[in-house]
C-alpha atoms as a PDB file:
ATOM      1  CA  MET A   1      33.181 -27.221 -36.062  1.00  0.00           C
ATOM      2  CA  SER A   2      30.910 -24.627 -37.940  1.00  0.00           C
ATOM      3  CA  ASP A   3      33.892 -23.925 -40.511  1.00  0.00           C
ATOM      4  CA  LEU A   4      33.929 -27.771 -41.077  1.00  0.00           C
ATOM      5  CA  PHE A   5      30.176 -27.930 -42.157  1.00  0.00           C
ATOM      6  CA  ASN A   6      30.896 -24.416 -44.225  1.00  0.00           C
ATOM      7  CA  LEU A   7      33.986 -26.214 -45.974  1.00  0.00           C
ATOM      8  CA  LEU A   8      32.117 -28.982 -46.594  1.00  0.00           C
ATOM      9  CA  HIS A   9      29.179 -27.358 -48.129  1.00  0.00           C
ATOM     10  CA  ASN A  10      31.444 -25.470 -50.214  1.00  0.00           C
ATOM     11  CA  ALA A  11      33.330 -28.784 -51.694  1.00  0.00           C
ATOM     12  CA  VAL A  12      30.049 -30.287 -52.341  1.00  0.00           C
ATOM     13  CA  GLU A  13      29.059 -27.066 -54.532  1.00  0.00           C
ATOM     14  CA  ALA A  14      32.244 -27.033 -56.031  1.00  0.00           C
ATOM     15  CA  GLY A  15      31.953 -30.663 -56.810  1.00  0.00           C
ATOM     16  CA  HIS A  16      28.591 -30.087 -58.436  1.00  0.00           C
ATOM     17  CA  ASN A  17      30.322 -27.824 -61.070  1.00  0.00           C
ATOM     18  CA  GLY A  18      29.740 -24.835 -58.653  1.00  0.00           C
ATOM     19  CA  LYS A  19      26.370 -25.004 -58.682  1.00  0.00           C
ATOM     20  CA  LYS A  20      24.747 -23.318 -55.420  1.00  0.00           C
ATOM     21  CA  ILE A  21      23.186 -25.690 -52.879  1.00  0.00           C
ATOM     22  CA  SER A  22      20.732 -24.026 -50.688  1.00  0.00           C
ATOM     23  CA  GLN A  23      20.486 -24.898 -46.944  1.00  0.00           C
ATOM     24  CA  LYS A  24      17.283 -26.318 -47.548  1.00  0.00           C
ATOM     25  CA  GLU A  25      18.416 -28.498 -50.148  1.00  0.00           C
ATOM     26  CA  MET A  26      21.568 -29.639 -48.097  1.00  0.00           C
ATOM     27  CA  ALA A  27      19.249 -30.430 -45.191  1.00  0.00           C
ATOM     28  CA  ASN A  28      16.942 -32.216 -47.208  1.00  0.00           C
ATOM     29  CA  GLU A  29      19.711 -34.587 -48.522  1.00  0.00           C
ATOM     30  CA  LEU A  30      21.133 -35.121 -45.313  1.00  0.00           C
ATOM     31  CA  GLY A  31      17.541 -35.885 -43.806  1.00  0.00           C
ATOM     32  CA  ILE A  32      17.496 -33.094 -41.256  1.00  0.00           C
ATOM     33  CA  SER A  33      15.635 -29.970 -40.296  1.00  0.00           C
ATOM     34  CA  MET A  34      17.129 -26.981 -42.412  1.00  0.00           C
ATOM     35  CA  ARG A  35      16.944 -25.176 -38.788  1.00  0.00           C
ATOM     36  CA  THR A  36      19.718 -27.979 -37.594  1.00  0.00           C
ATOM     37  CA  TYR A  37      21.741 -27.644 -40.348  1.00  0.00           C
ATOM     38  CA  GLN A  38      21.803 -24.021 -40.223  1.00  0.00           C
ATOM     39  CA  ASP A  39      23.043 -24.296 -36.408  1.00  0.00           C
ATOM     40  CA  TRP A  40      25.519 -26.599 -37.538  1.00  0.00           C
ATOM     41  CA  ARG A  41      27.074 -24.154 -40.199  1.00  0.00           C
ATOM     42  CA  LEU A  42      26.577 -21.222 -37.673  1.00  0.00           C
ATOM     43  CA  GLY A  43      28.176 -22.848 -34.965  1.00  0.00           C
ATOM     44  CA  ASN A  44      25.390 -22.550 -32.283  1.00  0.00           C
ATOM     45  CA  ALA A  45      24.816 -26.450 -32.524  1.00  0.00           C
ATOM     46  CA  LYS A  46      28.145 -29.196 -32.515  1.00  0.00           C
ATOM     47  CA  PRO A  47      26.874 -32.454 -33.304  1.00  0.00           C
ATOM     48  CA  GLN A  48      29.499 -34.750 -30.939  1.00  0.00           C
ATOM     49  CA  ALA A  49      29.592 -37.413 -33.511  1.00  0.00           C
ATOM     50  CA  ALA A  50      30.707 -35.133 -36.060  1.00  0.00           C
ATOM     51  CA  LYS A  51      33.808 -34.598 -34.978  1.00  0.00           C
ATOM     52  CA  ALA A  52      34.769 -37.825 -33.771  1.00  0.00           C
ATOM     53  CA  VAL A  53      34.079 -39.295 -37.558  1.00  0.00           C
ATOM     54  CA  ILE A  54      36.614 -36.326 -38.623  1.00  0.00           C
ATOM     55  CA  ASN A  55      39.181 -37.033 -36.241  1.00  0.00           C
ATOM     56  CA  MET A  56      38.763 -41.097 -37.267  1.00  0.00           C
ATOM     57  CA  LEU A  57      38.866 -40.121 -40.981  1.00  0.00           C
ATOM     58  CA  GLY A  58      41.830 -37.857 -40.124  1.00  0.00           C
ATOM     59  CA  MET A  59      44.057 -41.265 -39.049  1.00  0.00           C
ATOM     60  CA  LEU A  60      43.265 -42.658 -42.214  1.00  0.00           C
ATOM     61  CA  GLU A  61      45.425 -42.521 -45.224  1.00  0.00           C
ATOM     62  CA  ASP A  62      43.586 -41.010 -48.289  1.00  0.00           C
ATOM     63  CA  ASP A  63      42.798 -44.180 -50.054  1.00  0.00           C
ATOM     64  CA  GLU A  64      41.291 -45.366 -46.952  1.00  0.00           C
ATOM     65  CA  ILE A  65      39.289 -42.227 -46.712  1.00  0.00           C
ATOM     66  CA  ILE A  66      37.847 -42.688 -50.133  1.00  0.00           C
ATOM     67  CA  ARG A  67      37.054 -46.523 -49.968  1.00  0.00           C
ATOM     68  CA  VAL A  68      35.205 -45.648 -46.169  1.00  0.00           C
ATOM     69  CA  VAL A  69      33.277 -42.888 -47.789  1.00  0.00           C
ATOM     70  CA  ARG A  70      32.369 -44.852 -50.458  1.00  0.00           C
ATOM     71  CA  ARG A  71      31.058 -47.331 -48.338  1.00  0.00           C
ATOM     72  CA  ILE A  72      28.963 -44.866 -46.181  1.00  0.00           C
ATOM     73  CA  ASN A  73      27.340 -43.397 -49.230  1.00  0.00           C
ATOM     74  CA  LYS A  74      26.370 -46.912 -50.157  1.00  0.00           C
ATOM     75  CA  LEU A  75      25.132 -47.315 -46.545  1.00  0.00           C
ATOM     76  CA  GLY A  76      23.065 -44.427 -46.726  1.00  0.00           C
ATOM     77  CA  GLU A  77      21.700 -45.624 -50.436  1.00  0.00           C
ATOM     78  CA  LYS A  78      19.876 -48.909 -48.396  1.00  0.00           C
ATOM     79  CA  ALA A  79      18.486 -46.897 -45.813  1.00  0.00           C
END
């Protein structure tokens, strides 16, 4: 699971033209503590829901993944 969070963190950085994003910045963006985010990246904690979400996304076709992720982002904007 830690590989997943590291992969996603690096992908987000790449999406920002390679600009480094600190763990604190990412944690703030996700609405969690930096310690929690560090634990996820180090593999000290494994959020069970994250694995289920990734497995479910893996069951979808590429275009549907994009559609679902965009809808998830919109839900986050409303919160």
